[in-house]
């Protein structure tokens, strides 16, 4: 039978060194290691046991309608505050034109809602939560007007 210290002499030498400093040092080291392992297991247990609202969500509303000709409508809502509804009709170029909305609860408890249209002109969401660029200063509008006048007069710059 081969013992662990014969297979791993470096570890055994390290333990011999610790033990040679003080016989109590080895037991303190093992106790410290056991304590750290116990704390790690406790932290993992707490992380796994944290309740998750989304995990237990139930379906409150589920309505679907598809006529098979490109016209459709659906809506669903869950108990954790998620809601989505969408209506679609065939578009002029064979695509589906859609409009609808969705909402959900933000981590701070406020409700985020987005309405949208998706058609030949692309996807256009609207919501107070969507960042928008700052308006241009008045002098920029004046410069753009002057540039347009120059282009109309045939003035070009190289």
N, C-alpha and C. Protein backbone atom coordinates (compact mmCIF):
# COMPACT_ATOMS: atom_id res chain seq x y z
N UNK A 1 0.84 -1.18 0.00
CA UNK A 1 0.00 0.00 0.00
C UNK A 1 0.89 1.25 0.00
N UNK A 2 0.58 2.17 -0.94
CA UNK A 2 1.36 3.39 -1.05
C UNK A 2 0.62 4.49 -0.30
N UNK A 3 1.32 5.23 0.49
CA UNK A 3 0.69 6.31 1.25
C UNK A 3 0.78 7.62 0.49
N UNK A 4 -0.05 8.59 0.86
CA UNK A 4 -0.11 9.87 0.13
C UNK A 4 1.20 10.63 0.21
N UNK A 5 1.93 10.51 1.33
CA UNK A 5 3.17 11.27 1.44
C UNK A 5 4.27 10.68 0.56
N UNK A 6 4.14 9.40 0.20
CA UNK A 6 5.11 8.81 -0.72
C UNK A 6 4.84 9.28 -2.15
N UNK A 7 3.57 9.52 -2.48
CA UNK A 7 3.20 9.98 -3.82
C UNK A 7 3.43 11.47 -4.00
N UNK A 8 3.39 12.22 -2.94
CA UNK A 8 3.50 13.67 -3.03
C UNK A 8 4.50 14.17 -1.99
N UNK A 9 5.78 13.97 -2.25
CA UNK A 9 6.79 14.34 -1.24
C UNK A 9 6.84 15.83 -0.96
N UNK A 10 6.50 16.66 -1.96
CA UNK A 10 6.56 18.11 -1.73
C UNK A 10 5.52 18.52 -0.69
N UNK A 11 4.31 17.96 -0.80
CA UNK A 11 3.26 18.28 0.16
C UNK A 11 3.66 17.77 1.54
N UNK A 12 4.22 16.57 1.58
CA UNK A 12 4.63 16.01 2.85
C UNK A 12 5.74 16.86 3.48
N UNK A 13 6.67 17.35 2.65
CA UNK A 13 7.74 18.19 3.17
C UNK A 13 7.17 19.49 3.73
N UNK A 14 6.15 20.04 3.06
CA UNK A 14 5.52 21.26 3.54
C UNK A 14 4.84 21.04 4.88
N UNK A 15 4.17 19.91 5.03
CA UNK A 15 3.49 19.60 6.29
C UNK A 15 4.53 19.34 7.39
N UNK A 16 5.62 18.65 7.03
CA UNK A 16 6.68 18.42 8.03
C UNK A 16 7.24 19.75 8.52
N UNK A 17 7.41 20.71 7.59
CA UNK A 17 7.94 22.02 7.98
C UNK A 17 6.97 22.72 8.93
N UNK A 18 5.68 22.72 8.56
CA UNK A 18 4.69 23.37 9.43
C UNK A 18 4.69 22.72 10.81
N UNK A 19 4.72 21.39 10.83
CA UNK A 19 4.68 20.66 12.10
C UNK A 19 5.95 20.89 12.91
N UNK A 20 7.08 21.06 12.22
CA UNK A 20 8.34 21.26 12.95
C UNK A 20 8.36 22.63 13.64
N UNK A 21 7.65 23.61 13.13
CA UNK A 21 7.61 24.93 13.74
C UNK A 21 6.87 24.87 15.07
N UNK A 22 5.78 24.16 15.04
CA UNK A 22 5.00 23.99 16.27
C UNK A 22 4.02 22.86 16.04
N UNK A 23 3.91 21.92 16.96
CA UNK A 23 2.97 20.82 16.78
C UNK A 23 1.53 21.33 16.66
N UNK A 24 1.23 22.45 17.28
CA UNK A 24 -0.13 22.98 17.25
C UNK A 24 -0.41 23.72 15.94
N UNK A 25 0.64 24.11 15.23
CA UNK A 25 0.49 24.88 14.00
C UNK A 25 -0.23 24.06 12.94
N UNK A 26 0.08 22.76 12.86
CA UNK A 26 -0.55 21.91 11.86
C UNK A 26 -2.04 21.80 12.13
N UNK A 27 -2.42 21.60 13.35
CA UNK A 27 -3.85 21.47 13.66
C UNK A 27 -4.57 22.80 13.43
N UNK A 28 -3.90 23.92 13.72
CA UNK A 28 -4.50 25.23 13.45
C UNK A 28 -4.67 25.43 11.95
N UNK A 29 -3.69 24.99 11.15
CA UNK A 29 -3.76 25.14 9.70
C UNK A 29 -4.93 24.32 9.14
N UNK A 30 -5.08 23.08 9.61
CA UNK A 30 -6.17 22.22 9.14
C UNK A 30 -7.51 22.80 9.58
N UNK A 31 -7.60 23.31 10.80
CA UNK A 31 -8.84 23.91 11.29
C UNK A 31 -9.20 25.13 10.46
N UNK A 32 -8.21 25.94 10.13
CA UNK A 32 -8.44 27.13 9.31
C UNK A 32 -8.93 26.72 7.92
N UNK A 33 -8.34 25.69 7.35
CA UNK A 33 -8.75 25.20 6.03
C UNK A 33 -10.17 24.66 6.07
N UNK A 34 -10.50 23.90 7.12
CA UNK A 34 -11.86 23.38 7.27
C UNK A 34 -12.87 24.51 7.41
N UNK A 35 -12.53 25.55 8.14
CA UNK A 35 -13.42 26.69 8.35
C UNK A 35 -13.68 27.40 7.03
N UNK A 36 -12.60 27.61 6.25
CA UNK A 36 -12.74 28.29 4.96
C UNK A 36 -13.60 27.45 4.00
N UNK A 37 -13.40 26.15 4.00
CA UNK A 37 -14.20 25.27 3.15
C UNK A 37 -15.66 25.32 3.58
N UNK A 38 -15.92 25.31 4.88
CA UNK A 38 -17.29 25.38 5.39
C UNK A 38 -17.95 26.70 4.98
N UNK A 39 -17.24 27.82 5.08
CA UNK A 39 -17.80 29.11 4.69
C UNK A 39 -18.10 29.16 3.19
N UNK A 40 -17.22 28.59 2.39
CA UNK A 40 -17.44 28.55 0.95
C UNK A 40 -18.69 27.74 0.62
N UNK A 41 -18.86 26.61 1.24
CA UNK A 41 -20.04 25.78 1.01
C UNK A 41 -21.30 26.53 1.45
N UNK A 42 -21.25 27.25 2.56
CA UNK A 42 -22.40 28.04 3.02
C UNK A 42 -22.76 29.14 2.02
N UNK A 43 -21.76 29.85 1.50
CA UNK A 43 -22.02 30.90 0.52
C UNK A 43 -22.64 30.35 -0.75
N UNK A 44 -22.16 29.22 -1.20
CA UNK A 44 -22.73 28.59 -2.40
C UNK A 44 -24.18 28.18 -2.12
N UNK A 45 -24.44 27.65 -0.95
CA UNK A 45 -25.80 27.27 -0.58
C UNK A 45 -26.75 28.45 -0.55
N UNK A 46 -26.31 29.58 -0.02
CA UNK A 46 -27.14 30.78 0.02
C UNK A 46 -27.40 31.28 -1.40
N UNK A 47 -26.40 31.26 -2.25
CA UNK A 47 -26.56 31.73 -3.63
C UNK A 47 -27.56 30.87 -4.39
N UNK A 48 -27.53 29.58 -4.15
CA UNK A 48 -28.46 28.69 -4.85
C UNK A 48 -29.88 28.84 -4.30
N UNK A 49 -30.01 29.15 -3.03
CA UNK A 49 -31.33 29.22 -2.39
C UNK A 49 -32.03 30.55 -2.56
N UNK A 50 -31.38 31.56 -3.14
CA UNK A 50 -32.00 32.87 -3.29
C UNK A 50 -33.25 32.74 -4.15
N UNK A 51 -34.39 33.23 -3.68
CA UNK A 51 -35.60 33.13 -4.48
C UNK A 51 -35.52 34.00 -5.73
N UNK A 52 -36.03 33.49 -6.80
CA UNK A 52 -36.03 34.23 -8.07
C UNK A 52 -37.47 34.41 -8.50
N UNK A 53 -37.89 35.65 -8.63
CA UNK A 53 -39.27 35.95 -9.00
C UNK A 53 -39.59 35.41 -10.39
N UNK A 54 -38.67 35.53 -11.31
CA UNK A 54 -38.92 35.09 -12.69
C UNK A 54 -39.07 33.57 -12.78
N UNK A 55 -38.41 32.86 -11.90
CA UNK A 55 -38.44 31.40 -11.95
C UNK A 55 -39.84 30.87 -11.65
N UNK A 56 -40.58 31.54 -10.79
CA UNK A 56 -41.90 31.07 -10.39
C UNK A 56 -43.04 31.82 -11.07
N UNK A 57 -42.76 32.53 -12.15
CA UNK A 57 -43.79 33.30 -12.85
C UNK A 57 -44.79 32.36 -13.51
N UNK A 58 -46.05 32.78 -13.48
CA UNK A 58 -47.10 32.00 -14.14
C UNK A 58 -47.71 32.84 -15.26
N UNK A 59 -48.29 32.17 -16.22
CA UNK A 59 -48.90 32.82 -17.36
C UNK A 59 -50.31 33.27 -16.99
N UNK A 60 -50.57 34.57 -17.09
CA UNK A 60 -51.88 35.13 -16.76
C UNK A 60 -52.76 35.31 -18.00
N UNK A 61 -52.12 35.59 -19.14
CA UNK A 61 -52.86 35.86 -20.37
C UNK A 61 -52.08 35.27 -21.54
N UNK A 62 -52.76 34.58 -22.43
CA UNK A 62 -52.14 34.04 -23.63
C UNK A 62 -53.21 33.99 -24.72
N UNK A 63 -53.20 35.02 -25.56
CA UNK A 63 -54.17 35.10 -26.66
C UNK A 63 -53.42 35.11 -27.97
N UNK A 64 -53.83 34.25 -28.92
CA UNK A 64 -53.15 34.18 -30.21
C UNK A 64 -54.19 34.03 -31.32
N UNK A 65 -53.91 34.72 -32.40
CA UNK A 65 -54.77 34.64 -33.57
C UNK A 65 -53.90 34.78 -34.81
N UNK A 66 -53.99 33.80 -35.72
CA UNK A 66 -53.25 33.84 -36.97
C UNK A 66 -54.19 33.38 -38.08
N UNK A 67 -54.48 34.29 -39.00
CA UNK A 67 -55.44 33.98 -40.06
C UNK A 67 -54.80 33.20 -41.21
N UNK A 68 -53.49 33.05 -41.20
CA UNK A 68 -52.81 32.31 -42.25
C UNK A 68 -52.54 33.14 -43.50
N UNK A 69 -53.01 34.37 -43.53
CA UNK A 69 -52.80 35.24 -44.69
C UNK A 69 -51.82 36.37 -44.39
N UNK A 70 -51.09 36.26 -43.30
CA UNK A 70 -50.15 37.30 -42.90
C UNK A 70 -50.69 38.21 -41.81
N UNK A 71 -51.98 38.12 -41.52
CA UNK A 71 -52.58 38.89 -40.44
C UNK A 71 -52.51 38.06 -39.16
N UNK A 72 -51.99 38.66 -38.12
CA UNK A 72 -51.91 37.94 -36.84
C UNK A 72 -52.00 38.93 -35.69
N UNK A 73 -52.27 38.36 -34.53
CA UNK A 73 -52.32 39.16 -33.30
C UNK A 73 -52.03 38.22 -32.14
N UNK A 74 -51.22 38.69 -31.21
CA UNK A 74 -51.02 37.91 -29.99
C UNK A 74 -50.77 38.84 -28.82
N UNK A 75 -51.05 38.32 -27.64
CA UNK A 75 -50.79 39.05 -26.40
C UNK A 75 -50.51 38.01 -25.31
N UNK A 76 -49.57 38.32 -24.45
CA UNK A 76 -49.35 37.47 -23.28
C UNK A 76 -48.91 38.33 -22.11
N UNK A 77 -49.18 37.82 -20.92
CA UNK A 77 -48.80 38.51 -19.68
C UNK A 77 -48.45 37.45 -18.65
N UNK A 78 -47.42 37.73 -17.86
CA UNK A 78 -47.01 36.81 -16.80
C UNK A 78 -47.17 37.47 -15.44
N UNK A 79 -47.14 36.66 -14.40
CA UNK A 79 -47.36 37.17 -13.05
C UNK A 79 -46.22 38.04 -12.53
N UNK A 80 -45.07 38.02 -13.17
CA UNK A 80 -43.95 38.86 -12.72
C UNK A 80 -43.90 40.20 -13.45
N UNK A 81 -44.99 40.58 -14.14
CA UNK A 81 -45.08 41.91 -14.73
C UNK A 81 -44.67 42.04 -16.18
N UNK A 82 -44.33 40.94 -16.84
CA UNK A 82 -43.97 41.00 -18.25
C UNK A 82 -45.25 40.96 -19.08
N UNK A 83 -45.35 41.86 -20.06
CA UNK A 83 -46.50 41.91 -20.96
C UNK A 83 -46.01 42.23 -22.36
N UNK A 84 -46.60 41.58 -23.35
CA UNK A 84 -46.27 41.89 -24.74
C UNK A 84 -47.49 41.65 -25.60
N UNK A 85 -47.71 42.57 -26.53
CA UNK A 85 -48.77 42.39 -27.51
C UNK A 85 -48.27 42.89 -28.85
N UNK A 86 -48.69 42.21 -29.92
CA UNK A 86 -48.23 42.58 -31.25
C UNK A 86 -49.32 42.23 -32.25
N UNK A 87 -49.49 43.12 -33.24
CA UNK A 87 -50.42 42.90 -34.34
C UNK A 87 -49.63 43.03 -35.64
N UNK A 88 -49.88 42.12 -36.58
CA UNK A 88 -49.17 42.15 -37.84
C UNK A 88 -50.10 42.04 -39.03
N UNK A 89 -49.72 42.73 -40.09
CA UNK A 89 -50.45 42.67 -41.36
C UNK A 89 -49.42 42.55 -42.49
N UNK A 90 -49.81 41.99 -43.63
CA UNK A 90 -48.84 41.89 -44.73
C UNK A 90 -48.42 43.27 -45.23
N UNK A 91 -47.14 43.42 -45.55
CA UNK A 91 -46.62 44.68 -46.06
C UNK A 91 -46.59 44.71 -47.57
N UNK A 92 -46.29 45.86 -48.11
CA UNK A 92 -46.31 46.04 -49.56
C UNK A 92 -45.21 45.27 -50.29
N UNK A 93 -44.12 44.98 -49.61
CA UNK A 93 -43.01 44.26 -50.25
C UNK A 93 -42.91 42.81 -49.76
N UNK A 94 -43.99 42.28 -49.22
CA UNK A 94 -44.01 40.90 -48.76
C UNK A 94 -43.61 40.71 -47.30
N UNK A 95 -43.20 41.75 -46.64
CA UNK A 95 -42.81 41.66 -45.24
C UNK A 95 -44.06 41.77 -44.35
N UNK A 96 -43.86 41.53 -43.07
CA UNK A 96 -44.94 41.75 -42.10
C UNK A 96 -44.78 43.13 -41.49
N UNK A 97 -45.82 43.93 -41.55
CA UNK A 97 -45.82 45.21 -40.84
C UNK A 97 -46.43 44.95 -39.47
N UNK A 98 -45.72 45.39 -38.44
CA UNK A 98 -46.16 45.09 -37.08
C UNK A 98 -46.20 46.34 -36.23
N UNK A 99 -47.07 46.29 -35.26
CA UNK A 99 -47.07 47.32 -34.22
C UNK A 99 -47.49 46.65 -32.93
N UNK A 100 -46.99 47.20 -31.83
CA UNK A 100 -47.30 46.60 -30.55
C UNK A 100 -46.60 47.31 -29.42
N UNK A 101 -46.52 46.60 -28.30
CA UNK A 101 -45.86 47.16 -27.12
C UNK A 101 -45.41 46.02 -26.22
N UNK A 102 -44.50 46.35 -25.33
CA UNK A 102 -44.10 45.41 -24.30
C UNK A 102 -43.72 46.21 -23.06
N UNK A 103 -43.85 45.55 -21.91
CA UNK A 103 -43.48 46.21 -20.65
C UNK A 103 -42.95 45.16 -19.69
N UNK A 104 -42.14 45.65 -18.76
CA UNK A 104 -41.53 44.79 -17.76
C UNK A 104 -41.14 45.66 -16.57
N UNK A 105 -40.85 45.03 -15.46
CA UNK A 105 -40.48 45.73 -14.24
C UNK A 105 -38.96 45.85 -14.16
N UNK A 106 -38.49 47.06 -13.92
CA UNK A 106 -37.06 47.31 -13.77
C UNK A 106 -36.63 46.92 -12.35
N UNK A 107 -35.34 46.73 -12.13
CA UNK A 107 -34.86 46.35 -10.79
C UNK A 107 -35.27 47.33 -9.69
N UNK A 108 -35.45 48.62 -10.02
CA UNK A 108 -35.85 49.58 -8.98
C UNK A 108 -37.36 49.59 -8.75
N UNK A 109 -38.11 48.73 -9.46
CA UNK A 109 -39.56 48.62 -9.24
C UNK A 109 -40.41 49.41 -10.21
N UNK A 110 -39.82 50.29 -10.99
CA UNK A 110 -40.61 51.06 -11.97
C UNK A 110 -40.92 50.18 -13.18
N UNK A 111 -41.96 50.56 -13.88
CA UNK A 111 -42.39 49.81 -15.07
C UNK A 111 -41.79 50.45 -16.32
N UNK A 112 -41.15 49.64 -17.14
CA UNK A 112 -40.62 50.11 -18.42
C UNK A 112 -41.60 49.67 -19.50
N UNK A 113 -42.03 50.61 -20.34
CA UNK A 113 -42.95 50.28 -21.42
C UNK A 113 -42.41 50.85 -22.73
N UNK A 114 -42.48 50.04 -23.76
CA UNK A 114 -42.02 50.43 -25.09
C UNK A 114 -43.13 50.12 -26.09
N UNK A 115 -43.48 51.09 -26.91
CA UNK A 115 -44.39 50.85 -28.03
C UNK A 115 -43.54 50.90 -29.30
N UNK A 116 -43.98 50.19 -30.33
CA UNK A 116 -43.16 50.15 -31.54
C UNK A 116 -44.01 49.94 -32.78
N UNK A 117 -43.40 50.33 -33.90
CA UNK A 117 -43.93 50.07 -35.24
C UNK A 117 -42.76 49.50 -36.03
N UNK A 118 -43.02 48.44 -36.78
CA UNK A 118 -42.00 47.86 -37.66
C UNK A 118 -42.64 47.67 -39.03
N UNK A 119 -42.14 48.39 -40.02
CA UNK A 119 -42.71 48.32 -41.37
C UNK A 119 -41.64 48.61 -42.40
N UNK A 120 -42.04 49.09 -43.58
CA UNK A 120 -41.09 49.38 -44.65
C UNK A 120 -40.01 50.37 -44.21
N UNK A 121 -40.31 51.17 -43.22
CA UNK A 121 -39.37 52.20 -42.75
C UNK A 121 -38.50 51.72 -41.58
N UNK A 122 -38.56 50.44 -41.25
CA UNK A 122 -37.73 49.89 -40.18
C UNK A 122 -38.46 49.77 -38.85
N UNK A 123 -37.71 49.45 -37.82
CA UNK A 123 -38.22 49.28 -36.46
C UNK A 123 -38.10 50.63 -35.75
N UNK A 124 -39.22 51.14 -35.23
CA UNK A 124 -39.23 52.45 -34.57
C UNK A 124 -39.86 52.32 -33.18
N UNK A 125 -39.02 52.11 -32.17
CA UNK A 125 -39.55 52.05 -30.79
C UNK A 125 -39.73 53.45 -30.22
N UNK A 126 -40.66 53.56 -29.29
CA UNK A 126 -40.88 54.82 -28.57
C UNK A 126 -41.05 54.51 -27.09
N UNK A 127 -40.30 55.25 -26.28
CA UNK A 127 -40.39 55.10 -24.83
C UNK A 127 -39.62 56.24 -24.18
N UNK A 128 -40.08 56.72 -23.04
CA UNK A 128 -39.30 57.74 -22.35
C UNK A 128 -37.95 57.21 -21.84
N UNK A 129 -37.78 55.90 -21.83
CA UNK A 129 -36.53 55.31 -21.35
C UNK A 129 -35.46 55.23 -22.43
N UNK A 130 -35.84 55.40 -23.69
CA UNK A 130 -34.87 55.32 -24.78
C UNK A 130 -34.12 56.64 -24.85
N UNK A 131 -32.80 56.60 -24.77
CA UNK A 131 -32.03 57.85 -24.82
C UNK A 131 -32.19 58.54 -26.18
N UNK A 132 -32.22 59.84 -26.16
CA UNK A 132 -32.33 60.63 -27.38
C UNK A 132 -31.18 61.63 -27.41
N UNK A 133 -30.75 62.00 -28.62
CA UNK A 133 -29.66 62.98 -28.69
C UNK A 133 -30.14 64.35 -28.24
N UNK A 134 -29.22 65.15 -27.79
CA UNK A 134 -29.55 66.52 -27.40
C UNK A 134 -29.92 67.31 -28.64
N UNK A 135 -30.81 68.28 -28.52
CA UNK A 135 -31.14 69.10 -29.69
C UNK A 135 -29.93 69.91 -30.14
N UNK A 136 -29.87 70.18 -31.44
CA UNK A 136 -28.76 70.97 -31.98
C UNK A 136 -28.88 72.41 -31.52
N UNK A 137 -27.76 73.08 -31.27
CA UNK A 137 -27.79 74.50 -30.90
C UNK A 137 -28.32 75.33 -32.09
N UNK A 138 -28.85 76.50 -31.80
CA UNK A 138 -29.45 77.37 -32.81
C UNK A 138 -28.45 77.72 -33.91
N UNK A 139 -27.18 77.96 -33.58
CA UNK A 139 -26.21 78.36 -34.60
C UNK A 139 -25.97 77.24 -35.62
N UNK A 140 -26.16 75.97 -35.23
CA UNK A 140 -25.98 74.87 -36.17
C UNK A 140 -27.08 74.90 -37.22
N UNK A 141 -28.30 75.18 -36.81
CA UNK A 141 -29.39 75.29 -37.78
C UNK A 141 -29.11 76.41 -38.78
N UNK A 142 -28.56 77.50 -38.30
CA UNK A 142 -28.22 78.63 -39.18
C UNK A 142 -27.13 78.22 -40.17
N UNK A 143 -26.11 77.50 -39.71
CA UNK A 143 -25.05 77.04 -40.59
C UNK A 143 -25.56 76.06 -41.65
N UNK A 144 -26.47 75.21 -41.26
CA UNK A 144 -27.06 74.27 -42.22
C UNK A 144 -27.87 75.02 -43.29
N UNK A 145 -28.58 76.05 -42.87
CA UNK A 145 -29.36 76.85 -43.82
C UNK A 145 -28.43 77.55 -44.80
N UNK A 146 -27.34 78.11 -44.31
CA UNK A 146 -26.36 78.79 -45.18
C UNK A 146 -25.74 77.80 -46.17
N UNK A 147 -25.40 76.60 -45.70
CA UNK A 147 -24.81 75.59 -46.58
C UNK A 147 -25.79 75.19 -47.67
N UNK A 148 -27.05 75.08 -47.34
CA UNK A 148 -28.07 74.73 -48.34
C UNK A 148 -28.21 75.84 -49.37
N UNK A 149 -28.19 77.07 -48.94
CA UNK A 149 -28.25 78.20 -49.87
C UNK A 149 -27.04 78.19 -50.81
N UNK A 150 -25.86 77.88 -50.27
CA UNK A 150 -24.66 77.83 -51.10
C UNK A 150 -24.74 76.71 -52.13
N UNK A 151 -25.24 75.54 -51.73
CA UNK A 151 -25.39 74.45 -52.68
C UNK A 151 -26.37 74.81 -53.77
N UNK A 152 -27.47 75.47 -53.41
CA UNK A 152 -28.48 75.88 -54.38
C UNK A 152 -27.91 76.91 -55.35
N UNK A 153 -26.98 77.76 -54.90
CA UNK A 153 -26.36 78.77 -55.75
C UNK A 153 -25.19 78.20 -56.57
N UNK A 154 -24.87 76.91 -56.38
CA UNK A 154 -23.79 76.30 -57.14
C UNK A 154 -22.42 76.48 -56.53
N UNK A 155 -22.33 76.98 -55.34
CA UNK A 155 -21.04 77.19 -54.67
C UNK A 155 -20.59 75.86 -54.09
N UNK A 156 -19.39 75.46 -54.41
CA UNK A 156 -18.81 74.23 -53.85
C UNK A 156 -17.43 74.54 -53.26
N UNK A 157 -17.02 73.72 -52.32
CA UNK A 157 -15.72 73.88 -51.68
C UNK A 157 -14.93 72.60 -51.88
N UNK A 158 -13.65 72.77 -52.15
CA UNK A 158 -12.79 71.58 -52.34
C UNK A 158 -11.71 71.53 -51.32
